[in-house]
Amino acid sequence: MVDLGRTPLVVLALYMVMLLVLGVMGYLRSKTSEEDYYLAGRGQGVLVTVLTIMATFFSSAAMMGIPGLIYRDGTAFLFFALNLPVSGAIIYLLGSRIRRMGQRRGYVTPADMIADYYGGSRVLRLLVALVGFLYVIPYIVMQIKAGGYLAQRLFPDAEVLTLLGRDYGAFELGTIALSILTMAYVLVGGMRSVAWTDVIQGILLLTGMLVAGLATVVALGGVGAYFEELTKLPAAARSMPGVSGAWSPWKLLTICIFASLATMIQPGQWMRYYAAKSTQTLKRSALIFAVVLPGCFLFGVMVVALGAHALYPPAMVDGVLMPHPAIGVSPGEFDQVVVAMLQEHVPLLLGATLGTIAVAVILVSVMAASMSTADSNLHALSAVLTRDVYDRFVRPQASERERAWFGRGVIVVATLLSLWLVGLGKSNADFQPLALIGSLMFVAIAFSCQLLPLALDCLFLRRGTPTGAIAGMISGIMVVFLFTPFPTLIFGEDITATWTGITRTLGRLFDIGFCGFVVNATVFALVSRFTEKLPSDHVKKFAAEMES
């Protein structure tokens, strides 16, 4: 790998200063209202809207987790690119309706709209808030973890710092630095600062993806030589279900549909729909998203990961699939493929001096992918727990100033909790829930998917009942929970052996979120059929406002 010297430190310092300046600017422009802090006054234009949605969507999972899966498994994961135009369609169809109702009724969180439609159900509001929490924490964890990986690559020769009897290497210091910086500008400026930093981070991210793809093609001798090398990949890497056998056609299909839907209705994105200046703003943003992002993904992620598979093929070592030593040294380090390719091949493309600067900038852009998603999710979690829990159940009489301070406290606690979980995963190799960034992504999205039946019902169908919605949500959350390693950790292998076998089989065939959605929607429909309906005038009024 090319020695980057002090260049990354300089670039990173400038980048951090810029983010803090944007945080202060956001604070100076902000008003003292809760709506301004969480939705930037509902006045975001097309450029800010589309880039903040893109930056929130393209996290460390997109720049590290998904490339790691492609590098490991080959072309089978190519079909995942279909989720990008699907996501654009969701912004257009669902996002515009969510924005319309949010503007008219003053909604701030997903639960504001869902609970309002289902008769102000307090239980349902808590369940929606719980889903938001279960989505956000894994996502923040994987962003912080990505920051640690990047620090290891940027500063491989960093000295270990010993403090209070504990050693802090580049990984630990990277996770701490990313956490503190992200927390700082979210605390200071709210949605306005988050959106402005997302614009910068989004531009850096898209540029870095394109340069990485170009460097990979050049490293393999040009376009013709690149595709010729791909034809030489092992048969398993050129077909389904991939080298690891993980990607059946049905699983990829359900991921492309349901992971897309779930990702675009998670709390951070849902609140971005509320924050858009107009419905037309969202529709234009959706079209740009659906055109620009698939091209960047295919060229900046697929091309890089498949090129790495050709240049540095993974291999079986004692029955375990391992990355090439140039990529990583453990089964959990497939995630580092993009970073390794950048360091190795961009200087060869651009020359030593310019290449070193470019690598440092692009690696910082990969960190931007982590920060742009972490900030959005921290901000959304603050809104969810403040408005849907604290304001409704703990301190209904709290002043707006008190709620604002509680929301900032949520950001601090959530950051520290996520940082602790990352440290736990680093120190305990057997703590598999934190093993791979890609795995964390699918678990988080699966929880978010449990909002889907309710969202579709109140936005389009309007046939469900509050009791049915509650029963469906509880069922879906429980099903997704069974797919995670936590039941075995809690109850032991003897007790969970039967359902572990069932969930492993289903998990090989279908997306986890889809499995939860099927149970959720089925229970929702059945219970709604036999329980008290919502007042017809309430449903008609909601529908009229939605359609007008």
Protein backbone atom coordinates (compact mmCIF):
# COMPACT_ATOMS: atom_id res chain seq x y z
CA MET A 1 0.00 0.00 0.00
CA VAL A 2 1.12 3.56 -0.77
CA ASP A 3 2.43 5.50 2.20
CA LEU A 4 0.14 8.53 2.50
CA GLY A 5 2.35 10.33 5.01
CA ARG A 6 0.74 13.31 6.72
CA THR A 7 -1.59 14.11 3.83
CA PRO A 8 -4.63 12.32 5.35
CA LEU A 9 -4.15 14.22 8.61
CA VAL A 10 -4.19 17.58 6.81
CA VAL A 11 -7.19 16.67 4.64
CA LEU A 12 -9.09 15.25 7.60
CA ALA A 13 -8.39 18.33 9.72
CA LEU A 14 -9.67 20.66 6.97
CA TYR A 15 -12.75 18.48 6.52
CA MET A 16 -13.53 18.49 10.23
CA VAL A 17 -13.15 22.27 10.45
CA MET A 18 -15.53 22.65 7.50
CA LEU A 19 -18.15 20.46 9.18
CA LEU A 20 -17.91 22.39 12.42
CA VAL A 21 -18.25 25.70 10.54
CA LEU A 22 -21.39 24.38 8.82
CA GLY A 23 -22.70 23.31 12.22
CA VAL A 24 -22.22 26.81 13.62
CA MET A 25 -23.78 28.37 10.50
CA GLY A 26 -26.78 26.09 10.89
CA TYR A 27 -27.10 27.20 14.51
CA LEU A 28 -26.91 30.89 13.60
CA ARG A 29 -29.60 30.46 10.93
CA SER A 30 -31.85 28.37 13.13
CA LYS A 31 -34.86 29.45 15.15
CA THR A 32 -35.70 28.27 18.63
CA SER A 33 -38.61 26.07 17.52
CA GLU A 34 -38.74 22.29 17.58
CA GLU A 35 -39.92 22.24 13.95
CA ASP A 36 -36.90 24.26 12.82
CA TYR A 37 -34.44 22.03 14.71
CA TYR A 38 -35.88 18.81 13.30
CA LEU A 39 -37.13 19.91 9.85
CA ALA A 40 -35.15 23.08 9.00
CA GLY A 41 -38.39 25.05 8.69
CA ARG A 42 -39.75 22.72 5.95
CA GLY A 43 -37.96 24.81 3.32
CA GLN A 44 -35.32 22.60 1.68
CA GLY A 45 -34.92 22.98 -2.08
CA VAL A 46 -34.15 20.37 -4.74
CA LEU A 47 -30.34 20.36 -4.44
CA VAL A 48 -30.29 20.03 -0.66
CA THR A 49 -33.17 17.54 -0.64
CA VAL A 50 -31.73 15.16 -3.22
CA LEU A 51 -28.19 15.25 -1.83
CA THR A 52 -29.27 14.77 1.78
CA ILE A 53 -31.49 11.83 0.75
CA MET A 54 -28.61 10.35 -1.28
CA ALA A 55 -26.08 10.89 1.50
CA THR A 56 -28.41 9.30 4.07
CA PHE A 57 -29.08 6.39 1.73
CA PHE A 58 -25.43 5.77 0.78
CA SER A 59 -23.89 4.92 4.14
CA SER A 60 -20.78 2.95 5.07
CA ALA A 61 -22.85 -0.09 4.08
CA ALA A 62 -22.86 1.16 0.49
CA MET A 63 -19.17 2.09 0.45
CA MET A 64 -17.83 -0.74 2.60
CA GLY A 65 -20.44 -3.37 3.47
CA ILE A 66 -21.98 -3.96 0.04
CA PRO A 67 -18.62 -3.84 -1.83
CA GLY A 68 -17.40 -6.41 0.69
CA LEU A 69 -20.32 -8.70 -0.14
CA ILE A 70 -19.72 -8.27 -3.89
CA TYR A 71 -15.97 -8.90 -3.47
CA ARG A 72 -16.74 -12.04 -1.47
CA ASP A 73 -19.53 -13.45 -3.64
CA GLY A 74 -19.08 -12.06 -7.15
CA THR A 75 -21.66 -10.98 -9.71
CA ALA A 76 -24.66 -12.51 -7.90
CA PHE A 77 -25.11 -9.30 -5.95
CA LEU A 78 -25.28 -7.24 -9.17
CA PHE A 79 -29.07 -7.33 -9.01
CA PHE A 80 -28.97 -5.34 -5.78
CA ALA A 81 -28.50 -2.29 -8.03
CA LEU A 82 -32.20 -2.58 -8.89
CA ASN A 83 -33.08 -1.27 -5.44
CA LEU A 84 -31.90 2.23 -6.47
CA PRO A 85 -34.53 2.99 -9.14
CA VAL A 86 -37.09 1.30 -6.87
CA SER A 87 -36.05 3.64 -4.06
CA GLY A 88 -36.41 6.63 -6.40
CA ALA A 89 -39.95 5.52 -7.23
CA ILE A 90 -40.73 5.29 -3.52
CA ILE A 91 -39.62 8.88 -2.98
CA TYR A 92 -41.89 9.92 -5.85
CA LEU A 93 -44.97 7.93 -4.83
CA LEU A 94 -44.81 7.62 -1.04
CA GLY A 95 -42.57 10.54 -0.15
CA SER A 96 -44.76 13.11 -1.91
CA ARG A 97 -47.85 11.91 -0.01
CA ILE A 98 -46.01 11.84 3.31
CA ARG A 99 -44.77 15.39 2.70
CA ARG A 100 -48.25 16.64 1.80
CA MET A 101 -49.81 15.33 5.01
CA GLY A 102 -46.84 16.46 7.12
CA GLN A 103 -47.15 20.01 5.83
CA ARG A 104 -50.90 20.17 6.38
CA ARG A 105 -51.00 18.63 9.83
CA GLY A 106 -47.63 19.66 11.24
CA TYR A 107 -46.15 16.17 11.54
CA VAL A 108 -42.49 15.81 12.52
CA THR A 109 -41.94 12.05 13.05
CA PRO A 110 -43.35 8.94 11.32
CA ALA A 111 -45.40 8.17 14.44
CA ASP A 112 -47.08 11.59 14.23
CA MET A 113 -48.78 10.57 11.00
CA ILE A 114 -49.37 6.89 11.75
CA ALA A 115 -50.73 7.44 15.25
CA ASP A 116 -52.89 10.33 14.06
CA TYR A 117 -54.47 8.22 11.32
CA TYR A 118 -55.12 5.27 13.66
CA GLY A 119 -57.06 7.33 16.17
CA GLY A 120 -54.18 8.65 18.27
CA SER A 121 -53.18 5.20 19.54
CA ARG A 122 -50.54 5.58 22.25
CA VAL A 123 -49.44 1.95 21.95
CA LEU A 124 -48.95 2.32 18.21
CA ARG A 125 -46.93 5.48 18.70
CA LEU A 126 -44.59 3.60 21.06
CA LEU A 127 -44.26 0.69 18.61
CA VAL A 128 -43.34 3.03 15.76
CA ALA A 129 -40.80 4.72 18.02
CA LEU A 130 -39.40 1.28 18.95
CA VAL A 131 -38.97 0.38 15.28
CA GLY A 132 -37.13 3.66 14.78
CA PHE A 133 -34.79 2.83 17.66
CA LEU A 134 -34.17 -0.73 16.37
CA TYR A 135 -33.31 0.67 12.95
CA VAL A 136 -31.16 3.57 14.05
CA ILE A 137 -28.84 1.94 16.60
CA PRO A 138 -27.45 -0.80 14.25
CA TYR A 139 -27.01 1.83 11.54
CA ILE A 140 -25.07 4.17 13.83
CA VAL A 141 -22.96 1.23 15.02
CA MET A 142 -21.91 0.34 11.50
CA GLN A 143 -21.07 3.97 10.64
CA ILE A 144 -18.83 4.25 13.70
CA LYS A 145 -17.24 0.89 12.93
CA ALA A 146 -16.49 2.08 9.39
CA GLY A 147 -14.76 5.13 10.86
CA GLY A 148 -12.46 2.80 12.78
CA TYR A 149 -11.58 0.82 9.65
CA LEU A 150 -10.80 4.01 7.76
CA ALA A 151 -8.57 5.28 10.55
CA GLN A 152 -6.62 2.01 10.41
CA ARG A 153 -6.05 2.53 6.69
CA LEU A 154 -5.33 6.25 6.87
CA PHE A 155 -2.93 6.00 9.80
CA PRO A 156 -1.45 2.48 9.76
CA ASP A 157 1.63 3.55 11.71
CA ALA A 158 -0.22 5.44 14.44
CA GLU A 159 1.16 4.82 17.89
CA VAL A 160 -1.02 3.10 20.47
CA LEU A 161 -2.25 5.50 23.14
CA THR A 162 -2.62 4.09 26.65
CA LEU A 163 -5.14 5.85 28.87
CA LEU A 164 -6.47 4.63 32.23
CA GLY A 165 -4.99 1.19 31.64
CA ARG A 166 -6.62 0.74 28.22
CA ASP A 167 -4.92 0.82 24.81
CA TYR A 168 -6.36 2.95 22.02
CA GLY A 169 -5.08 2.18 18.51
CA ALA A 170 -6.04 3.76 15.20
CA PHE A 171 -9.36 1.87 15.11
CA GLU A 172 -10.47 3.02 18.55
CA LEU A 173 -9.33 6.61 18.03
CA GLY A 174 -11.07 6.70 14.64
CA THR A 175 -14.39 5.56 16.10
CA ILE A 176 -14.14 8.11 18.90
CA ALA A 177 -13.23 10.98 16.56
CA LEU A 178 -16.05 10.22 14.12
CA SER A 179 -18.56 9.89 16.96
CA ILE A 180 -17.61 13.13 18.69
CA LEU A 181 -17.49 15.21 15.50
CA THR A 182 -20.82 13.92 14.17
CA MET A 183 -22.46 14.37 17.54
CA ALA A 184 -21.12 17.92 17.81
CA TYR A 185 -22.55 19.40 14.63
CA VAL A 186 -25.88 17.58 15.01
CA LEU A 187 -26.20 18.95 18.55
CA VAL A 188 -25.40 22.47 17.44
CA GLY A 189 -27.30 22.96 14.21
CA GLY A 190 -30.03 20.31 13.94
CA MET A 191 -31.53 19.41 10.54
CA ARG A 192 -30.13 22.50 8.83
CA SER A 193 -26.54 21.58 9.72
CA VAL A 194 -27.16 17.92 8.93
CA ALA A 195 -28.55 18.78 5.49
CA TRP A 196 -25.77 21.24 4.64
CA THR A 197 -23.06 18.79 5.65
CA ASP A 198 -24.87 16.08 3.69
CA VAL A 199 -24.57 18.23 0.56
CA ILE A 200 -20.78 18.39 0.93
CA GLN A 201 -20.57 14.74 1.93
CA GLY A 202 -22.82 13.67 -0.95
CA ILE A 203 -20.67 15.48 -3.53
CA LEU A 204 -17.49 13.98 -2.05
CA LEU A 205 -19.08 10.54 -1.98
CA LEU A 206 -20.26 10.54 -5.61
CA THR A 207 -16.92 11.90 -6.82
CA GLY A 208 -14.97 9.33 -4.82
CA MET A 209 -17.05 6.47 -6.23
CA LEU A 210 -16.39 7.52 -9.83
CA VAL A 211 -12.63 7.97 -9.29
CA ALA A 212 -12.42 4.58 -7.57
CA GLY A 213 -14.16 2.91 -10.51
CA LEU A 214 -11.87 4.60 -13.02
CA ALA A 215 -8.75 3.59 -11.09
CA THR A 216 -9.91 -0.05 -10.99
CA VAL A 217 -10.55 -0.19 -14.75
CA VAL A 218 -7.12 1.34 -15.44
CA ALA A 219 -5.46 -1.11 -13.02
CA LEU A 220 -6.83 -4.01 -15.06
CA GLY A 221 -5.65 -2.54 -18.37
CA GLY A 222 -8.70 -0.70 -19.71
CA VAL A 223 -12.34 -1.49 -20.37
CA GLY A 224 -11.74 -4.47 -22.66
CA ALA A 225 -9.15 -6.02 -20.39
CA TYR A 226 -11.39 -5.42 -17.37
CA PHE A 227 -14.28 -7.42 -18.79
CA GLU A 228 -11.91 -10.08 -20.06
CA GLU A 229 -10.61 -10.54 -16.50
CA LEU A 230 -14.17 -10.87 -15.23
CA THR A 231 -14.74 -13.77 -17.62
CA LYS A 232 -11.88 -15.55 -15.85
CA LEU A 233 -13.51 -15.38 -12.43
CA PRO A 234 -14.41 -18.76 -10.89
CA ALA A 235 -17.80 -20.09 -11.99
CA ALA A 236 -19.23 -19.57 -8.49
CA ALA A 237 -18.30 -15.87 -8.66
CA ARG A 238 -20.10 -15.46 -12.01
CA SER A 239 -23.42 -16.99 -11.07
CA MET A 240 -26.04 -17.29 -8.37
CA PRO A 241 -26.03 -17.95 -5.48
CA GLY A 242 -22.44 -16.65 -5.32
CA VAL A 243 -19.27 -18.00 -3.74
CA SER A 244 -20.79 -18.23 -0.25
CA GLY A 245 -24.11 -19.60 -1.55
CA ALA A 246 -25.99 -16.75 0.16
CA TRP A 247 -27.83 -15.08 -2.74
CA SER A 248 -30.69 -17.10 -4.18
CA PRO A 249 -32.86 -15.39 -6.85
CA TRP A 250 -35.82 -15.11 -4.46
CA LYS A 251 -33.66 -13.58 -1.76
CA LEU A 252 -32.26 -10.95 -4.11
CA LEU A 253 -35.73 -10.18 -5.47
CA THR A 254 -37.20 -9.67 -2.02
CA ILE A 255 -34.19 -7.56 -0.98
CA CYS A 256 -34.53 -5.31 -4.04
CA ILE A 257 -38.21 -4.68 -3.31
CA PHE A 258 -38.56 -4.75 0.45
CA ALA A 259 -35.15 -3.44 1.50
CA SER A 260 -35.74 -0.50 -0.86
CA LEU A 261 -39.15 0.22 0.64
CA ALA A 262 -37.87 -0.14 4.20
CA THR A 263 -34.82 2.07 3.62
CA MET A 264 -36.91 4.90 2.22
CA ILE A 265 -39.46 4.90 5.07
CA GLN A 266 -36.99 4.75 7.93
CA PRO A 267 -37.24 7.75 10.30
CA GLY A 268 -34.38 9.79 8.83
CA GLN A 269 -35.73 9.63 5.28
CA TRP A 270 -39.36 10.04 6.36
CA MET A 271 -38.43 13.32 8.09
CA ARG A 272 -36.64 14.50 4.95
CA TYR A 273 -39.92 14.23 3.07
CA TYR A 274 -41.52 16.51 5.67
CA ALA A 275 -38.61 18.97 5.33
CA ALA A 276 -38.89 19.39 1.53
CA LYS A 277 -40.08 22.79 0.33
CA SER A 278 -42.84 21.37 -1.87
CA THR A 279 -44.22 18.19 -3.38
CA GLN A 280 -42.60 19.13 -6.69
CA THR A 281 -39.25 19.41 -4.91
CA LEU A 282 -39.56 15.79 -3.79
CA LYS A 283 -40.67 14.52 -7.19
CA ARG A 284 -37.75 16.20 -8.93
CA SER A 285 -35.39 14.86 -6.28
CA ALA A 286 -36.78 11.37 -6.87
CA LEU A 287 -36.02 11.54 -10.59
CA ILE A 288 -32.45 12.77 -10.00
CA PHE A 289 -31.94 10.06 -7.37
CA ALA A 290 -33.18 7.32 -9.72
CA VAL A 291 -30.91 8.44 -12.58
CA VAL A 292 -27.66 9.48 -10.86
CA LEU A 293 -27.25 6.99 -8.04
CA PRO A 294 -27.58 3.72 -10.03
CA GLY A 295 -24.79 4.82 -12.39
CA CYS A 296 -22.50 5.78 -9.52
CA PHE A 297 -23.29 2.53 -7.72
CA LEU A 298 -22.57 0.33 -10.74
CA PHE A 299 -19.37 2.15 -11.66
CA GLY A 300 -18.11 3.04 -8.20
CA VAL A 301 -19.11 -0.06 -6.24
CA MET A 302 -19.71 -3.00 -8.58
CA VAL A 303 -16.73 -2.23 -10.83
CA VAL A 304 -14.36 -1.79 -7.88
CA ALA A 305 -15.48 -4.87 -5.97
CA LEU A 306 -15.48 -7.20 -8.98
CA GLY A 307 -12.12 -5.82 -10.10
CA ALA A 308 -10.74 -6.53 -6.64
CA HIS A 309 -12.06 -10.10 -6.89
CA ALA A 310 -10.07 -10.49 -10.11
CA LEU A 311 -6.90 -8.85 -8.79
CA TYR A 312 -6.98 -10.16 -5.22
CA PRO A 313 -9.24 -13.24 -5.16
CA PRO A 314 -10.52 -14.46 -1.77
CA ALA A 315 -9.60 -18.01 -0.83
CA MET A 316 -10.68 -20.84 1.43
CA VAL A 317 -8.39 -21.21 4.44
CA ASP A 318 -9.14 -24.19 6.71
CA GLY A 319 -12.73 -24.26 5.47
CA VAL A 320 -13.28 -20.51 6.02
CA LEU A 321 -13.60 -18.03 3.14
CA MET A 322 -10.95 -15.35 3.70
CA PRO A 323 -10.11 -12.10 1.90
CA HIS A 324 -6.79 -11.76 0.08
CA PRO A 325 -4.06 -10.46 2.45
CA ALA A 326 -4.00 -7.20 0.45
CA ILE A 327 -7.62 -6.65 1.48
CA GLY A 328 -7.82 -7.98 5.03
CA VAL A 329 -6.65 -10.66 7.43
CA SER A 330 -9.91 -11.93 8.95
CA PRO A 331 -13.35 -13.09 7.69
CA GLY A 332 -14.80 -9.81 8.94
CA GLU A 333 -12.53 -7.63 6.77
CA PHE A 334 -14.13 -8.09 3.35
CA ASP A 335 -15.61 -4.67 4.17
CA GLN A 336 -12.27 -2.97 3.53
CA VAL A 337 -12.04 -3.79 -0.18
CA VAL A 338 -12.84 -0.30 -1.53
CA VAL A 339 -10.39 1.37 0.84
CA ALA A 340 -7.63 -1.11 -0.09
CA MET A 341 -8.24 -0.62 -3.83
CA LEU A 342 -8.12 3.15 -3.47
CA GLN A 343 -4.82 3.13 -1.62
CA GLU A 344 -3.24 0.71 -4.06
CA HIS A 345 -4.40 1.98 -7.44
CA VAL A 346 -5.40 5.67 -7.38
CA PRO A 347 -1.74 6.82 -6.97
CA LEU A 348 -0.85 4.67 -9.97
CA LEU A 349 -3.57 6.42 -11.97
CA LEU A 350 -2.83 10.02 -10.93
CA GLY A 351 0.83 9.94 -9.95
CA ALA A 352 2.46 9.90 -6.53
CA THR A 353 1.75 13.45 -5.33
CA LEU A 354 -1.67 14.06 -6.85
CA GLY A 355 -2.63 10.43 -6.23
CA THR A 356 -1.76 10.65 -2.54
CA ILE A 357 -3.89 13.77 -2.14
CA ALA A 358 -6.72 12.17 -4.12
CA VAL A 359 -6.62 9.01 -1.98
CA ALA A 360 -6.76 11.06 1.20
CA VAL A 361 -9.71 13.08 -0.12
CA ILE A 362 -11.57 9.98 -1.33
CA LEU A 363 -10.99 8.11 1.92
CA VAL A 364 -12.36 11.11 3.73
CA SER A 365 -15.34 10.90 1.34
CA VAL A 366 -15.85 7.29 2.44
CA MET A 367 -15.83 8.59 6.00
CA ALA A 368 -18.36 11.17 4.80
CA ALA A 369 -20.63 8.29 3.80
CA SER A 370 -20.50 7.10 7.39
CA MET A 371 -21.01 10.52 8.91
CA SER A 372 -23.83 11.54 6.57
CA THR A 373 -25.87 8.52 7.64
CA ALA A 374 -24.87 8.65 11.30
CA ASP A 375 -25.87 12.31 11.61
CA SER A 376 -29.24 11.72 9.94
CA ASN A 377 -30.05 8.77 12.15
CA LEU A 378 -28.91 10.47 15.37
CA HIS A 379 -31.04 13.46 14.48
CA ALA A 380 -34.07 11.27 13.64
CA LEU A 381 -33.73 9.22 16.82
CA SER A 382 -33.64 12.43 18.84
CA ALA A 383 -36.92 13.53 17.26
CA VAL A 384 -38.55 10.13 17.72
CA LEU A 385 -37.68 9.69 21.39
CA THR A 386 -38.40 13.32 22.25
CA ARG A 387 -41.76 13.74 20.50
CA ASP A 388 -43.07 10.17 20.63
CA VAL A 389 -41.91 9.09 24.08
CA TYR A 390 -40.75 11.94 26.34
CA ASP A 391 -43.32 14.50 25.22
CA ARG A 392 -46.25 12.04 25.17
CA PHE A 393 -45.58 9.77 28.13
CA VAL A 394 -42.89 11.14 30.43
CA ARG A 395 -43.28 14.94 30.55
CA PRO A 396 -46.31 16.10 28.53
CA GLN A 397 -46.06 19.46 30.29
CA ALA A 398 -42.41 19.98 29.28
CA SER A 399 -41.54 23.31 27.69
CA GLU A 400 -40.09 23.47 24.20
CA ARG A 401 -36.71 24.38 25.69
CA GLU A 402 -36.81 21.31 27.96
CA ARG A 403 -37.72 19.05 25.03
CA ALA A 404 -34.86 20.50 23.02
CA TRP A 405 -32.36 19.66 25.76
CA PHE A 406 -33.81 16.19 26.14
CA GLY A 407 -33.43 15.65 22.39
CA ARG A 408 -29.80 16.68 22.56
CA GLY A 409 -29.32 14.28 25.47
CA VAL A 410 -30.70 11.47 23.30
CA ILE A 411 -28.05 12.24 20.69
CA VAL A 412 -25.27 12.01 23.28
CA VAL A 413 -26.56 8.78 24.86
CA ALA A 414 -27.20 7.09 21.49
CA THR A 415 -23.70 7.99 20.31
CA LEU A 416 -22.07 6.63 23.48
CA LEU A 417 -24.18 3.44 23.35
CA SER A 418 -23.22 2.81 19.73
CA LEU A 419 -19.56 3.52 20.48
CA TRP A 420 -19.68 1.03 23.38
CA LEU A 421 -21.23 -1.65 21.11
CA VAL A 422 -18.49 -1.11 18.53
CA GLY A 423 -15.84 -1.49 21.23
CA LEU A 424 -17.55 -4.65 22.47
CA GLY A 425 -17.51 -6.13 18.99
CA LYS A 426 -13.84 -5.22 18.53
CA SER A 427 -12.72 -6.72 21.84
CA ASN A 428 -14.88 -9.86 21.58
CA ALA A 429 -14.39 -11.73 18.30
CA ASP A 430 -17.24 -14.09 19.18
CA PHE A 431 -19.79 -11.27 19.40
CA GLN A 432 -21.19 -12.05 15.96
CA PRO A 433 -24.01 -9.47 15.89
CA LEU A 434 -21.32 -6.91 15.05
CA ALA A 435 -19.21 -9.07 12.75
CA LEU A 436 -20.01 -7.57 9.34
CA ILE A 437 -21.27 -4.14 8.32
CA GLY A 438 -23.41 -5.70 5.59
CA SER A 439 -25.14 -8.00 8.08
CA LEU A 440 -25.94 -5.08 10.39
CA MET A 441 -27.48 -3.23 7.47
CA PHE A 442 -29.95 -6.00 6.64
CA VAL A 443 -31.03 -6.43 10.27
CA ALA A 444 -31.65 -2.69 10.67
CA ILE A 445 -33.60 -2.52 7.40
CA ALA A 446 -35.68 -5.56 8.43
CA PHE A 447 -36.93 -3.72 11.51
CA SER A 448 -37.75 -0.62 9.46
CA CYS A 449 -39.70 -2.83 7.03
CA GLN A 450 -42.29 -3.40 9.75
CA LEU A 451 -43.54 0.16 9.20
CA LEU A 452 -44.45 -0.75 5.63
CA PRO A 453 -47.93 -2.32 6.11
CA LEU A 454 -49.07 0.69 8.16
CA ALA A 455 -47.57 3.20 5.74
CA LEU A 456 -49.23 1.55 2.73
CA ASP A 457 -52.55 1.32 4.55
CA CYS A 458 -52.80 4.93 5.70
CA LEU A 459 -51.35 6.34 2.46
CA PHE A 460 -53.32 4.23 -0.04
CA LEU A 461 -55.61 1.46 1.26
CA ARG A 462 -57.14 2.84 4.47
CA ARG A 463 -58.78 -0.44 5.54
CA GLY A 464 -56.87 -1.31 8.71
CA THR A 465 -57.86 -0.86 12.33
CA PRO A 466 -55.78 0.35 15.27
CA THR A 467 -55.91 -3.10 16.90
CA GLY A 468 -54.85 -4.76 13.65
CA ALA A 469 -51.96 -2.31 13.21
CA ILE A 470 -50.71 -2.99 16.75
CA ALA A 471 -50.98 -6.77 16.38
CA GLY A 472 -49.23 -6.71 13.01
CA MET A 473 -46.37 -4.53 14.26
CA ILE A 474 -45.73 -6.70 17.31
CA SER A 475 -45.77 -9.86 15.18
CA GLY A 476 -43.40 -8.44 12.57
CA ILE A 477 -40.91 -7.13 15.16
CA MET A 478 -40.86 -10.51 16.92
CA VAL A 479 -40.26 -12.38 13.66
CA VAL A 480 -37.31 -10.15 12.72
CA PHE A 481 -35.90 -10.52 16.23
CA LEU A 482 -35.87 -14.31 15.77
CA PHE A 483 -33.59 -13.92 12.74
CA THR A 484 -30.92 -12.12 14.76
CA PRO A 485 -28.31 -13.84 16.98
CA PHE A 486 -29.81 -12.27 20.11
CA PRO A 487 -32.36 -15.02 20.99
CA THR A 488 -29.51 -17.55 21.15
CA LEU A 489 -27.39 -15.16 23.22
CA ILE A 490 -30.29 -14.62 25.64
CA PHE A 491 -31.87 -18.08 25.88
CA GLY A 492 -29.02 -20.41 24.87
CA GLU A 493 -28.60 -22.80 21.95
CA ASP A 494 -30.61 -25.68 23.46
CA ILE A 495 -33.81 -23.63 23.74
CA THR A 496 -33.47 -21.81 20.40
CA ALA A 497 -32.23 -24.72 18.26
CA THR A 498 -35.57 -25.38 16.53
CA TRP A 499 -36.44 -21.84 15.50
CA THR A 500 -32.79 -21.14 14.64
CA GLY A 501 -32.95 -23.95 12.08
CA ILE A 502 -36.17 -22.52 10.63
CA THR A 503 -34.89 -18.94 10.44
CA ARG A 504 -31.61 -20.04 8.84
CA THR A 505 -33.51 -21.86 6.10
CA LEU A 506 -35.86 -18.92 5.50
CA GLY A 507 -32.94 -16.47 5.69
CA ARG A 508 -31.20 -18.29 2.83
CA LEU A 509 -34.33 -18.06 0.70
CA PHE A 510 -35.74 -14.61 1.44
CA ASP A 511 -34.90 -11.17 2.79
CA ILE A 512 -35.36 -10.98 6.58
CA GLY A 513 -37.54 -7.89 6.35
CA PHE A 514 -39.78 -9.62 3.80
CA CYS A 515 -40.34 -12.53 6.21
CA GLY A 516 -41.35 -10.12 8.96
CA PHE A 517 -43.50 -8.14 6.53
CA VAL A 518 -45.47 -11.23 5.44
CA VAL A 519 -46.33 -12.12 9.04
CA ASN A 520 -46.99 -8.48 9.92
CA ALA A 521 -49.30 -7.85 6.95
CA THR A 522 -51.16 -11.16 7.43
CA VAL A 523 -51.84 -10.52 11.13
CA PHE A 524 -52.72 -6.89 10.37
CA ALA A 525 -55.30 -7.91 7.75
CA LEU A 526 -56.86 -10.72 9.81
CA VAL A 527 -57.16 -8.77 13.04
CA SER A 528 -58.47 -5.70 11.19
CA ARG A 529 -61.23 -7.82 9.69
CA PHE A 530 -62.65 -8.65 13.12
CA THR A 531 -61.97 -5.49 15.13
CA GLU A 532 -63.59 -2.07 15.35
CA LYS A 533 -63.07 0.11 12.28
CA LEU A 534 -61.99 3.72 12.30
CA PRO A 535 -64.84 6.28 12.01
CA SER A 536 -65.72 6.68 8.32
CA ASP A 537 -65.67 10.49 8.49
CA HIS A 538 -62.12 10.40 9.90
CA VAL A 539 -60.94 8.12 7.07
CA LYS A 540 -62.69 10.20 4.40
CA LYS A 541 -61.19 13.44 5.72
CA PHE A 542 -57.70 11.94 5.79
CA ALA A 543 -58.14 10.59 2.24
CA ALA A 544 -59.44 13.91 0.95
CA GLU A 545 -56.45 15.79 2.35
CA MET A 546 -54.11 13.17 0.91
CA GLU A 547 -55.54 13.41 -2.60
CA SER A 548 -56.10 17.17 -2.83
